[in-house]
Structure formats: structure tokens, C-alpha cells
Amino acid sequence: MNTIVKTLYIILGGTLLLSSCAQEEAPIVRTEGNDRRIIFHSSLPEVTSRASKIATTLDYFYMTVFDESDNKLISDGKLIEYVDSLQINKTAGSDTYISDNCVWPVPGQESDRLHFFAYYPTLNDGASLVNATSVDESNKTVSYKVKDFQVAPDIADQIDFVTAYTAGSMDDNQFSGIALKFRHQLSRIEVKVKGSHKSCDIEIAGVQIVNALMNGAYEFQTAETEDGKWQNTSPDTAKYIFREGDAIVKVGADPVSILGKKIGDSDNCAMLIPSTYSAWDYTNDAVNSGKGLYLNVLLRIIDKTPTAGKGKVQYPYFDRSQGLNAMDIPREYFAVVKATSVISKRLYKNGNNYFTDEYFTQPYSLASGEEIIEFGWAALPIAGEWEPGYIYTYTLDYTSGIGLHGPEVIGNVSPKAGDPIISDKIGVSVSVNEWQGLNGSTTHTVEVPGA
């Protein structure tokens, strides 16, 4: 039986307009012509955060500034920061951002042309900003980096990362202000499911995006219309496993997100480091030593054919006759309210007992109207180029098949990694929408061979 998994990439890219700056010296009180505080303006189409919904304006951002013409700001072959990681706050009742510690240099004492590097939000624990400027006898290079940037492994904790660069002077920008064009530096990934399988019902309780890049170094852009660059990145797993209050997703005709509750009116998403990804080669590299990309969907399959087996759970396997490894396949457990399919608690099994923690110290007793439901993983190899500032929506069509046993299934006896669960190999078609702003789009379609 052939499985058709239609992978829909809806690509959205955006430019976020903002403004910024900063300096550590006593401010001059504003008068008609002598106020040296730098003015910033903000226009923000969308910044996405699971924690703070969707923001259309920022209350603050962070700014580092370099003055390449001030020879007093040179040490050990580098430019010293003119302003270092200053938080710039929005002025109450206004669309401007001004800080008393962010001012233009005194005219005539040094150059007033400054290089501005702005970012939002604050960096995660472990990440640090790196002064990457260089100075020699004939040249000064302005550059700025983030070291040890980390993407949260739990998709619910992932947040947007936007940065901007520009240069400006007091002569040109004292009254008009500095406009920073913020750009998304991560790729946004959505996962949806649809399809009514002819022989079974499918229920889903989570998803993993395996071998996506999730940590590395980031180099800021040094032109307003460019993206930054990611370096020294390494792969890991992003995941959203359903939690308290989430309802088990029953796959049907209409596409439904499997990344938890919505963000406002938008579908939920992961935010991951851009790169070009090759798919897990399940035929020639079943253990995935090449770290190919794949989705791992947490599901269970229930027979709906009009036979004696109707209503029986077909996957995860419960019968060793289905294969010698059948009972060793990775599983997840949930306490679920029968009437609503809403999850009460994620559980961990030890022997015949269930616990609310993975260390088996907190036993769980089912409440009235609850049941324990068991799920297993089904892998779907995917590939593609993720660019910063784009949204990729994968829509998985379960009309004909389920997926494969993933690389985590160890051994050479059936079922083994790369074997179909209840399907043949997976075909993929790709539809691409590139967002050109709030008022325009283009569309084309690319056919991709089966994985």
C-alpha cells in the first residue's frame, strides 16, 4: 500500500522595522537643537513567541554600538563598544524609543557616524555576545557575533530571534531618528496532519523534529537588507509532546496542527536554525549515522475495518507475533479524560505501574472517567532548505499510510529501523508560498521524488 505524505511548505518571510541605540555618558537635557539622545522608531509586523503570543510592537530591544573613527575606543586590535548591550525602552504613549544613555558623540571631538547592532529578545542562558571587530594599520572591520546560541528543545519554549544593523550620524539622523530594519534569523516550522485512512483511525499526541540545527554561533548582518550567518551549528531534537489540557488529535479531512494550542489566530510553530537539510536515508543508513532530518510523530492506530478486529489497537504493537522487537518500540503514556480526549497527565510506566515523573517516585491513580492511552513513534523522512524569515508548513496526509520505524528502533530483527509500520514508502510533493509582505504573494509547485 503506498503512502502519500503531502508536505506543504508555506513560506513566509518578513522585514521588521525598528530603531535603536545607546551610550554610557551623562545625557544632555533635550532643547530645540542640542539634545544628543538618539531617537528610534518601531514598526513591527510580527514577532512570534510561544510564551508571549504574537507581538506587533516591542516594549524594548537591546543595542550595541561601535564608533570606528574614535581612536580612543581601540584596544588590543579591537574597537571598544561605544554602547554595550544596552536595553532601549519604548517611550510611554509614543512610537519612539529613547535612552538617556544612548547619545551621539560630542561634535568636533570624534566622528558621529556610528554602527548599530540591535537584537530581541534577551539571549538564552549560556549564550554570549562577542566583539568581532578588528583594527590594523590600514583597516577597521566592524563585526558582531553571538556565541553558543541555543534553541530550546521544547517547542513550547522556543521564541523568535530578530536582529538589525544600520549606520547613522547626528547630522543625518538627529531629528528624523534611526530606523532599524529587523529581520527574523530563525526558520519557523509548522506541522499539520490530515487524511482519513481507509482501514484505520489515527490519533496523535506529539511530534519531534529530529536532527534540526539547534545551537551554534550567529554573526550579525552588516547590511540592512541582508540576513545574518549561522556557523558551527550542531543537530538536536525539537519536540512538542502533548501536555495537560491538550486534546488528542484525531486525524480527519481538515488539516490540524499537532504543535499544541494556537498562538492567537496563527498556527503553532517551532523556531529553528536555518540550513539545507538532507533526509534520513532509511534504505542505506537505517541507524541514521548521517543525521538526516525526519519528523517523528507520536500516534496510535485503531482498526476500523468491518471485521472481528474492529476497534483493536494496531500500533503501538501489543502482540509479539507482529515482530520480535514489537514490544521494545519506544512508547509514551497519557492519562486521558474519556469523554473529551483531553490529557490529564503525561505518565511514565515502570512494570505495571504508572508515575507522573520519569524517576518513578510519584505514583498516579486514575480518576473517575479517565483511561491510560499508549502511543508509539512513526518516522517520516523530510528534506529541504530552510531560510531565515520563512514559514514552512508540513502537512502530512495519512490517507494511505502511516510511516516508518525510526532509527531509535535497534536491531536487525523485524520490525527494524526503516521498516514500514502500515505503509509502503512515502511520496512527497511540495507547494511553496513566499510571503512578500502583508499585501502580496507568489506561488509555485515543486515535485520531489519519494523518500
Protein backbone atom coordinates (compact mmCIF):
# COMPACT_ATOMS: atom_id res chain seq x y z
CA MET A 1 0.00 0.00 0.00
CA ASN A 2 1.54 3.34 -0.98
CA THR A 3 1.52 6.24 1.43
CA ILE A 4 1.20 9.75 0.11
CA VAL A 5 2.54 12.31 2.56
CA LYS A 6 1.93 15.75 1.13
CA THR A 7 4.42 18.13 2.64
CA LEU A 8 3.23 21.67 2.30
CA TYR A 9 5.80 24.37 2.77
CA ILE A 10 4.10 27.69 3.29
CA ILE A 11 6.95 30.11 3.30
CA LEU A 12 6.57 33.44 4.89
CA GLY A 13 9.35 35.97 5.20
CA GLY A 14 9.16 39.35 6.82
CA THR A 15 11.02 42.53 7.48
CA LEU A 16 10.52 44.03 10.89
CA LEU A 17 11.05 47.77 11.13
CA LEU A 18 12.57 49.19 14.28
CA SER A 19 15.00 51.76 15.62
CA SER A 20 17.72 51.83 18.24
CA CYS A 21 20.95 52.92 20.01
CA ALA A 22 22.83 53.64 23.26
CA GLN A 23 25.76 55.33 25.07
CA GLU A 24 27.07 55.38 28.60
CA GLU A 25 27.62 59.02 29.50
CA ALA A 26 25.58 61.71 31.24
CA PRO A 27 22.77 62.82 28.91
CA ILE A 28 22.16 66.35 27.72
CA VAL A 29 18.64 67.55 28.51
CA ARG A 30 16.59 68.00 25.34
CA THR A 31 16.26 71.51 23.97
CA GLU A 32 15.35 72.62 20.46
CA GLY A 33 18.74 71.89 18.89
CA ASN A 34 21.21 70.41 21.33
CA ASP A 35 19.66 67.16 22.53
CA ARG A 36 22.12 64.40 21.59
CA ARG A 37 19.91 61.47 22.61
CA ILE A 38 19.33 59.11 19.71
CA ILE A 39 15.72 58.63 18.63
CA PHE A 40 14.39 55.30 17.40
CA HIS A 41 11.11 54.39 15.70
CA SER A 42 9.37 51.00 15.65
CA SER A 43 7.14 49.28 13.13
CA LEU A 44 6.79 45.56 13.77
CA PRO A 45 4.59 43.34 11.54
CA GLU A 46 5.05 40.24 13.71
CA VAL A 47 7.36 38.67 16.26
CA THR A 48 6.27 35.18 17.29
CA SER A 49 6.73 33.73 20.76
CA ARG A 50 5.04 30.75 22.36
CA ALA A 51 5.47 32.46 25.73
CA SER A 52 4.15 35.91 24.80
CA LYS A 53 1.78 35.14 21.91
CA ILE A 54 2.33 37.38 18.88
CA ALA A 55 3.74 40.89 19.35
CA THR A 56 3.09 43.67 16.84
CA THR A 57 5.26 46.12 18.76
CA LEU A 58 8.22 45.78 21.11
CA ASP A 59 8.42 47.35 24.56
CA TYR A 60 12.22 47.24 24.32
CA PHE A 61 15.19 45.81 22.46
CA TYR A 62 18.95 45.60 23.04
CA MET A 63 21.64 47.65 21.33
CA THR A 64 25.42 47.56 20.90
CA VAL A 65 27.13 50.43 19.05
CA PHE A 66 30.64 50.87 17.59
CA ASP A 67 32.37 54.11 16.57
CA GLU A 68 35.12 53.14 14.14
CA SER A 69 36.54 56.69 13.90
CA ASP A 70 37.23 57.25 17.59
CA ASN A 71 40.82 56.15 18.18
CA LYS A 72 40.26 56.33 21.92
CA LEU A 73 37.94 53.34 21.53
CA ILE A 74 40.64 50.91 20.32
CA SER A 75 42.26 48.24 22.48
CA ASP A 76 44.17 45.06 21.66
CA GLY A 77 43.33 45.22 17.98
CA LYS A 78 39.59 45.69 18.53
CA LEU A 79 37.12 48.54 18.71
CA ILE A 80 35.77 49.03 22.21
CA GLU A 81 31.98 49.10 22.31
CA TYR A 82 30.70 52.69 22.28
CA VAL A 83 27.47 51.27 23.78
CA ASP A 84 27.40 47.72 25.11
CA SER A 85 24.18 45.62 25.20
CA LEU A 86 22.00 48.48 26.40
CA GLN A 87 18.26 47.89 26.78
CA ILE A 88 16.34 50.59 24.89
CA ASN A 89 12.77 51.05 26.12
CA LYS A 90 9.76 52.39 24.30
CA THR A 91 8.63 55.86 25.37
CA ALA A 92 5.24 55.75 27.09
CA GLY A 93 2.44 56.95 24.83
CA SER A 94 4.74 57.20 21.81
CA ASP A 95 6.10 55.09 18.96
CA THR A 96 9.68 56.20 19.71
CA TYR A 97 12.49 54.65 21.74
CA ILE A 98 14.94 56.91 23.61
CA SER A 99 17.53 56.21 26.29
CA ASP A 100 19.35 58.82 28.35
CA ASN A 101 22.44 56.61 27.99
CA CYS A 102 22.28 56.45 24.20
CA VAL A 103 23.59 59.71 22.74
CA TRP A 104 25.53 61.00 19.75
CA PRO A 105 29.25 61.78 20.31
CA VAL A 106 30.09 65.42 21.01
CA PRO A 107 30.55 67.12 17.63
CA GLY A 108 34.14 68.01 16.85
CA GLN A 109 35.64 65.63 19.40
CA GLU A 110 35.18 62.42 17.41
CA SER A 111 33.23 61.07 14.46
CA ASP A 112 29.49 60.89 14.96
CA ARG A 113 28.93 58.10 12.41
CA LEU A 114 28.01 55.03 14.41
CA HIS A 115 27.35 51.35 13.67
CA PHE A 116 24.22 49.99 15.37
CA PHE A 117 23.60 46.29 16.14
CA ALA A 118 20.19 45.57 17.68
CA TYR A 119 18.50 42.35 18.77
CA TYR A 120 15.45 40.99 20.58
CA PRO A 121 14.78 39.20 22.91
CA THR A 122 17.45 38.72 25.57
CA LEU A 123 19.80 35.84 24.82
CA ASN A 124 19.28 32.46 26.38
CA ASP A 125 21.40 31.20 29.28
CA GLY A 126 24.86 30.18 28.10
CA ALA A 127 24.87 32.45 25.04
CA SER A 128 27.17 35.46 24.97
CA LEU A 129 27.89 38.42 22.69
CA VAL A 130 31.29 38.56 21.02
CA ASN A 131 33.10 41.68 19.88
CA ALA A 132 34.37 40.51 16.48
CA THR A 133 35.74 43.86 15.28
CA SER A 134 39.35 44.11 14.09
CA VAL A 135 41.78 47.01 13.69
CA ASP A 136 45.13 47.11 11.93
CA GLU A 137 47.24 49.90 10.49
CA SER A 138 45.23 50.20 7.28
CA ASN A 139 41.79 48.82 8.04
CA LYS A 140 38.98 48.65 10.59
CA THR A 141 36.35 45.92 10.30
CA VAL A 142 33.09 46.15 12.23
CA SER A 143 31.53 42.79 13.11
CA TYR A 144 29.44 41.39 15.96
CA LYS A 145 28.54 37.82 16.94
CA VAL A 146 26.57 35.64 19.34
CA LYS A 147 28.40 32.64 20.78
CA ASP A 148 26.65 29.46 21.97
CA PHE A 149 23.16 30.42 20.83
CA GLN A 150 20.70 27.73 21.95
CA VAL A 151 17.24 26.87 20.67
CA ALA A 152 15.02 25.41 23.42
CA PRO A 153 14.39 21.67 22.85
CA ASP A 154 10.74 22.05 23.91
CA ILE A 155 8.92 23.78 21.06
CA ALA A 156 6.58 25.40 23.60
CA ASP A 157 9.58 27.33 24.96
CA GLN A 158 11.04 28.45 21.63
CA ILE A 159 10.93 32.16 20.78
CA ASP A 160 11.66 34.38 17.82
CA PHE A 161 15.11 35.95 17.35
CA VAL A 162 15.28 39.18 15.36
CA THR A 163 18.30 41.37 14.65
CA ALA A 164 19.08 44.56 12.78
CA TYR A 165 22.05 46.59 11.63
CA THR A 166 22.45 50.11 10.30
CA ALA A 167 24.83 53.07 10.44
CA GLY A 168 23.91 56.70 11.06
CA SER A 169 25.12 60.14 12.06
CA MET A 170 23.90 63.04 14.13
CA ASP A 171 23.89 65.28 11.04
CA ASP A 172 21.58 62.91 9.17
CA ASN A 173 19.52 61.40 11.95
CA GLN A 174 19.26 63.73 14.95
CA PHE A 175 15.67 64.74 14.24
CA SER A 176 14.47 62.01 11.87
CA GLY A 177 15.79 59.23 14.10
CA ILE A 178 17.38 55.86 13.35
CA ALA A 179 15.26 53.25 11.56
CA LEU A 180 16.43 49.69 12.10
CA LYS A 181 15.05 47.05 9.75
CA PHE A 182 14.75 43.99 11.94
CA ARG A 183 14.85 40.57 10.29
CA HIS A 184 13.89 37.11 11.56
CA GLN A 185 17.02 34.97 11.90
CA LEU A 186 15.28 31.64 12.54
CA SER A 187 13.06 29.48 10.35
CA ARG A 188 9.50 28.87 11.50
CA ILE A 189 8.25 25.28 11.16
CA GLU A 190 4.61 24.20 11.38
CA VAL A 191 3.37 20.60 11.34
CA LYS A 192 -0.21 19.65 10.44
CA VAL A 193 -1.98 16.36 9.76
CA LYS A 194 -4.96 15.36 7.66
CA GLY A 195 -6.38 12.35 5.81
CA SER A 196 -8.84 9.61 6.53
CA HIS A 197 -7.10 6.24 6.23
CA LYS A 198 -9.38 3.65 4.64
CA SER A 199 -8.63 0.90 7.17
CA CYS A 200 -7.79 2.65 10.44
CA ASP A 201 -8.34 5.66 12.67
CA ILE A 202 -5.25 7.62 13.70
CA GLU A 203 -4.80 9.60 16.92
CA ILE A 204 -1.78 11.83 17.58
CA ALA A 205 -0.22 13.12 20.81
CA GLY A 206 3.04 14.78 19.79
CA VAL A 207 5.82 15.27 17.28
CA GLN A 208 9.60 15.51 17.17
CA ILE A 209 11.74 17.29 14.57
CA VAL A 210 14.88 15.18 14.68
CA ASN A 211 18.35 16.40 13.67
CA ALA A 212 17.40 20.03 13.17
CA LEU A 213 20.16 22.54 13.95
CA MET A 214 19.53 23.94 17.40
CA ASN A 215 22.74 25.54 18.67
CA GLY A 216 25.68 27.40 17.20
CA ALA A 217 27.24 30.80 16.57
CA TYR A 218 25.42 33.68 14.91
CA GLU A 219 27.12 36.55 13.05
CA PHE A 220 25.07 39.75 12.72
CA GLN A 221 24.31 41.18 9.30
CA THR A 222 26.36 44.25 8.29
CA ALA A 223 23.92 45.48 5.64
CA GLU A 224 20.30 46.46 6.26
CA THR A 225 18.87 44.12 3.61
CA GLU A 226 20.90 41.02 4.49
CA ASP A 227 20.39 38.18 6.94
CA GLY A 228 22.97 37.17 9.50
CA LYS A 229 25.04 33.98 9.21
CA TRP A 230 24.97 30.82 11.28
CA GLN A 231 28.22 28.96 11.97
CA ASN A 232 29.40 25.89 13.91
CA THR A 233 25.88 24.61 14.28
CA SER A 234 25.03 21.14 15.59
CA PRO A 235 21.87 18.99 15.33
CA ASP A 236 19.47 18.02 18.09
CA THR A 237 15.77 17.24 18.54
CA ALA A 238 12.94 19.73 18.92
CA LYS A 239 9.72 18.30 20.28
CA TYR A 240 6.19 19.02 21.33
CA ILE A 241 4.69 16.19 23.36
CA PHE A 242 1.11 16.92 24.34
CA ARG A 243 0.60 18.09 27.90
CA GLU A 244 -2.10 18.79 30.44
CA GLY A 245 -5.09 20.43 28.77
CA ASP A 246 -4.19 19.44 25.21
CA ALA A 247 -6.71 17.23 23.40
CA ILE A 248 -5.60 14.15 21.49
CA VAL A 249 -5.76 14.97 17.75
CA LYS A 250 -7.95 12.63 15.71
CA VAL A 251 -6.81 12.79 12.09
CA GLY A 252 -9.59 13.80 9.69
CA ALA A 253 -10.25 15.55 6.40
CA ASP A 254 -9.18 19.04 7.53
CA PRO A 255 -5.55 19.94 8.35
CA VAL A 256 -4.94 20.28 12.10
CA SER A 257 -1.78 21.45 13.88
CA ILE A 258 -0.05 18.93 16.14
CA LEU A 259 2.05 21.53 17.92
CA GLY A 260 -0.38 22.32 20.74
CA LYS A 261 -2.59 25.31 21.37
CA LYS A 262 -2.76 28.16 18.84
CA ILE A 263 -0.83 31.42 19.14
CA GLY A 264 -3.71 33.87 18.73
CA ASP A 265 -5.16 33.14 15.29
CA SER A 266 -1.90 31.65 13.96
CA ASP A 267 -0.88 28.01 13.86
CA ASN A 268 1.72 26.89 16.33
CA CYS A 269 5.31 26.59 15.23
CA ALA A 270 8.85 25.59 16.03
CA MET A 271 11.61 28.18 15.55
CA LEU A 272 14.85 26.56 14.39
CA ILE A 273 18.20 27.47 12.87
CA PRO A 274 18.12 27.83 9.06
CA SER A 275 20.10 25.38 6.94
CA THR A 276 19.91 23.00 3.99
CA TYR A 277 18.79 19.60 5.26
CA SER A 278 19.06 16.14 3.74
CA ALA A 279 16.51 13.49 4.71
CA TRP A 280 17.19 10.39 6.76
CA ASP A 281 18.24 7.72 4.24
CA TYR A 282 16.27 4.88 5.77
CA THR A 283 17.22 2.44 2.99
CA ASN A 284 21.01 2.75 3.13
CA ASP A 285 21.52 4.24 6.60
CA ALA A 286 18.83 2.78 8.84
CA VAL A 287 20.59 3.89 12.04
CA ASN A 288 20.93 7.41 10.57
CA SER A 289 24.64 7.84 11.25
CA GLY A 290 24.46 10.69 8.71
CA LYS A 291 22.00 12.56 10.96
CA GLY A 292 19.40 13.11 8.24
CA LEU A 293 16.28 15.09 9.06
CA TYR A 294 12.97 13.41 9.89
CA LEU A 295 9.70 14.01 11.69
CA ASN A 296 8.79 11.54 14.42
CA VAL A 297 5.04 11.54 15.05
CA LEU A 298 3.62 10.13 18.29
CA LEU A 299 0.47 8.22 17.35
CA ARG A 300 -1.73 5.21 17.80
CA ILE A 301 -3.64 3.30 15.11
CA ILE A 302 -7.06 1.74 15.64
CA ASP A 303 -8.57 -0.80 13.22
CA LYS A 304 -11.83 0.47 11.69
CA THR A 305 -12.45 -2.26 9.12
CA PRO A 306 -15.77 -4.14 9.48
CA THR A 307 -14.09 -7.29 10.77
CA ALA A 308 -13.62 -9.08 14.06
CA GLY A 309 -10.59 -6.83 14.69
CA LYS A 310 -12.58 -3.60 14.53
CA GLY A 311 -11.65 -1.30 17.39
CA LYS A 312 -8.38 -3.10 18.15
CA VAL A 313 -5.21 -1.05 18.55
CA GLN A 314 -2.85 -1.99 15.73
CA TYR A 315 0.01 0.29 16.78
CA PRO A 316 1.92 0.58 19.03
CA TYR A 317 2.19 -3.19 18.83
CA PHE A 318 0.81 -5.27 21.67
CA ASP A 319 1.45 -8.72 20.20
CA ARG A 320 4.94 -10.16 19.85
CA SER A 321 3.72 -12.09 16.81
CA GLN A 322 3.90 -8.76 14.99
CA GLY A 323 7.70 -8.95 15.31
CA LEU A 324 10.45 -9.96 17.74
CA ASN A 325 11.10 -6.31 18.56
CA ALA A 326 7.44 -5.39 18.75
CA MET A 327 7.37 -4.79 22.50
CA ASP A 328 10.67 -2.84 22.51
CA ILE A 329 9.46 0.05 20.37
CA PRO A 330 9.68 3.42 22.25
CA ARG A 331 6.31 4.40 23.74
CA GLU A 332 4.64 7.26 25.60
CA TYR A 333 1.72 7.12 28.04
CA PHE A 334 -1.04 9.58 28.95
CA ALA A 335 -3.95 9.74 31.36
CA VAL A 336 -6.86 10.98 29.23
CA VAL A 337 -10.43 12.04 30.03
CA LYS A 338 -12.57 9.59 28.05
CA ALA A 339 -15.42 11.98 27.27
CA THR A 340 -13.24 14.79 25.86
CA SER A 341 -9.92 13.14 24.86
CA VAL A 342 -8.20 15.86 26.92
CA ILE A 343 -4.91 14.88 28.54
CA SER A 344 -4.87 14.95 32.34
CA LYS A 345 -1.24 13.96 32.77
CA ARG A 346 1.73 12.57 30.88
CA LEU A 347 2.78 9.32 32.55
CA TYR A 348 5.83 7.08 32.82
CA LYS A 349 5.49 3.32 33.06
CA ASN A 350 7.57 1.05 35.29
CA GLY A 351 6.46 -2.56 35.26
CA ASN A 352 2.69 -2.49 35.63
CA ASN A 353 2.62 0.86 37.44
CA TYR A 354 2.40 4.45 36.19
CA PHE A 355 4.08 7.55 37.57
CA THR A 356 3.98 11.29 36.89
CA ASP A 357 7.79 11.59 36.86
CA GLU A 358 10.45 9.75 34.90
CA TYR A 359 12.22 8.71 38.11
CA PHE A 360 9.16 6.69 39.22
CA THR A 361 8.76 8.45 42.58
CA GLN A 362 5.19 9.84 42.16
CA PRO A 363 2.57 7.12 41.52
CA TYR A 364 -0.54 8.09 39.55
CA SER A 365 -4.05 6.87 40.28
CA LEU A 366 -6.69 7.22 37.58
CA ALA A 367 -9.61 9.48 38.41
CA SER A 368 -13.17 8.59 37.52
CA GLY A 369 -13.74 8.91 33.77
CA GLU A 370 -10.03 8.63 32.90
CA GLU A 371 -8.13 5.99 30.95
CA ILE A 372 -4.48 5.39 30.12
CA ILE A 373 -3.63 5.55 26.41
CA GLU A 374 -0.37 4.30 24.93
CA PHE A 375 1.30 5.83 21.84
CA GLY A 376 4.27 4.88 19.62
CA TRP A 377 6.51 6.79 17.22
CA ALA A 378 6.28 6.82 13.41
CA ALA A 379 9.09 8.44 11.40
CA LEU A 380 8.72 10.48 8.18
CA PRO A 381 11.96 11.48 6.39
CA ILE A 382 11.95 15.10 5.17
CA ALA A 383 14.47 17.34 3.43
CA GLY A 384 14.70 20.91 2.21
CA GLU A 385 16.28 24.32 2.52
CA TRP A 386 15.12 26.37 5.49
CA GLU A 387 15.81 30.09 5.14
CA PRO A 388 15.61 32.73 7.86
CA GLY A 389 12.34 34.61 8.00
CA TYR A 390 10.26 31.95 6.26
CA ILE A 391 7.48 29.68 7.50
CA TYR A 392 7.49 26.04 6.38
CA THR A 393 4.22 24.21 6.96
CA TYR A 394 4.43 20.44 6.68
CA THR A 395 1.00 18.91 6.08
CA LEU A 396 1.14 15.13 6.49
CA ASP A 397 -1.54 13.23 4.61
CA TYR A 398 -2.34 9.89 6.27
CA THR A 399 -4.87 8.78 3.66
CA SER A 400 -2.83 5.75 2.57
CA GLY A 401 -0.09 5.09 5.09
CA ILE A 402 1.45 5.76 8.49
CA GLY A 403 5.23 5.99 8.29
CA LEU A 404 8.36 4.08 9.24
CA HIS A 405 10.03 2.70 12.32
CA GLY A 406 12.66 5.30 13.18
CA PRO A 407 16.41 4.95 13.76
CA GLU A 408 15.80 4.55 17.50
CA VAL A 409 14.50 1.01 16.82
CA ILE A 410 17.63 -1.07 17.34
CA GLY A 411 18.43 -4.49 15.90
CA ASN A 412 18.25 -6.50 12.70
CA VAL A 413 15.13 -8.49 13.53
CA SER A 414 11.69 -7.37 12.42
CA PRO A 415 10.42 -4.76 12.92
CA LYS A 416 13.64 -2.81 12.43
CA ALA A 417 14.56 0.78 11.61
CA GLY A 418 13.28 1.81 8.19
CA ASP A 419 10.53 -0.81 8.07
CA PRO A 420 7.03 0.50 7.26
CA ILE A 421 4.50 0.42 10.08
CA ILE A 422 1.35 0.05 8.00
CA SER A 423 2.51 1.53 4.72
CA ASP A 424 4.82 1.39 1.76
CA LYS A 425 7.45 4.07 1.14
CA ILE A 426 6.42 7.69 1.38
CA GLY A 427 5.92 10.04 -1.58
CA VAL A 428 6.34 13.80 -1.15
CA SER A 429 5.00 16.81 -3.04
CA VAL A 430 5.95 20.36 -2.13
CA SER A 431 3.91 23.53 -2.52
CA VAL A 432 5.71 26.83 -1.87
CA ASN A 433 4.27 30.24 -0.98
CA GLU A 434 6.75 33.06 -0.49
CA TRP A 435 5.45 35.96 1.57
CA GLN A 436 6.46 39.32 0.08
CA GLY A 437 4.83 41.48 2.69
CA LEU A 438 1.37 41.96 4.09
CA ASN A 439 -0.20 42.54 0.67
CA GLY A 440 1.45 40.18 -1.82
CA SER A 441 2.45 36.59 -2.53
CA THR A 442 3.66 34.31 -5.30
CA THR A 443 3.12 30.57 -5.64
CA HIS A 444 4.81 27.73 -7.44
CA THR A 445 4.94 23.95 -7.01
CA VAL A 446 7.94 21.61 -6.97
CA GLU A 447 7.63 17.84 -7.28
CA VAL A 448 10.07 15.84 -5.19
CA PRO A 449 10.80 12.10 -5.64
CA GLY A 450 9.57 9.70 -2.96
CA ALA A 451 11.81 9.46 0.08
